[in-house]
Amino acid sequence: MVGGETGKYKYDANLMCNQINRAINTSATRKNARTWTESILNNRHQIKP
């Protein structure tokens, strides 16, 4: 079921974005949250499925 898999991955991506945004919003210092987010985005090519 390709449609189901696509929906699953889209949901996972939205969930990850929500977690990142929540970390930024609740961080004591936005600079630290931004650095943490950038490190994830810069290293995403190392993430294996």
Protein backbone atom coordinates (compact mmCIF):
# COMPACT_ATOMS: atom_id res chain seq x y z
CA MET A 1 0.00 0.00 0.00
CA VAL A 2 2.03 2.90 -1.30
CA GLY A 3 -0.50 5.50 -0.20
CA GLY A 4 -0.45 4.21 3.37
CA GLU A 5 3.35 4.27 3.48
CA THR A 6 3.45 7.79 2.05
CA GLY A 7 0.96 8.95 4.65
CA LYS A 8 3.03 7.27 7.38
CA TYR A 9 6.24 9.03 6.37
CA LYS A 10 4.47 12.38 5.99
CA TYR A 11 3.08 11.95 9.51
CA ASP A 12 6.54 11.09 10.85
CA ALA A 13 8.03 14.18 9.19
CA ASN A 14 5.31 16.41 10.65
CA LEU A 15 5.84 14.85 14.07
CA MET A 16 9.58 15.52 13.87
CA CYS A 17 8.95 19.14 12.83
CA ASN A 18 6.56 19.57 15.75
CA GLN A 19 9.16 18.19 18.16
CA ILE A 20 11.82 20.56 16.80
CA ASN A 21 9.48 23.54 17.02
CA ARG A 22 8.50 22.57 20.56
CA ALA A 23 12.17 22.31 21.55
CA ILE A 24 12.80 25.78 20.12
CA ASN A 25 9.75 27.30 21.81
CA THR A 26 10.45 25.77 25.21
CA SER A 27 14.22 26.24 25.17
CA ALA A 28 15.73 28.49 27.83
CA THR A 29 17.79 30.17 25.10
CA ARG A 30 16.68 30.22 21.49
CA LYS A 31 20.30 30.28 20.39
CA ASN A 32 20.89 26.82 21.87
CA ALA A 33 17.71 25.46 20.31
CA ARG A 34 18.67 26.88 16.93
CA THR A 35 22.14 25.32 17.17
CA TRP A 36 20.59 21.97 18.12
CA THR A 37 18.16 22.15 15.19
CA GLU A 38 20.91 23.12 12.75
CA SER A 39 23.05 20.21 13.94
CA ILE A 40 20.17 17.81 13.21
CA LEU A 41 19.54 19.29 9.77
CA ASN A 42 23.23 19.33 8.92
CA ASN A 43 23.67 15.70 10.00
CA ARG A 44 20.47 14.28 8.52
CA HIS A 45 22.47 12.72 5.67
CA GLN A 46 24.05 10.44 8.28
CA ILE A 47 20.69 9.13 9.47
CA LYS A 48 20.02 5.61 8.18
CA PRO A 49 16.44 4.38 7.67
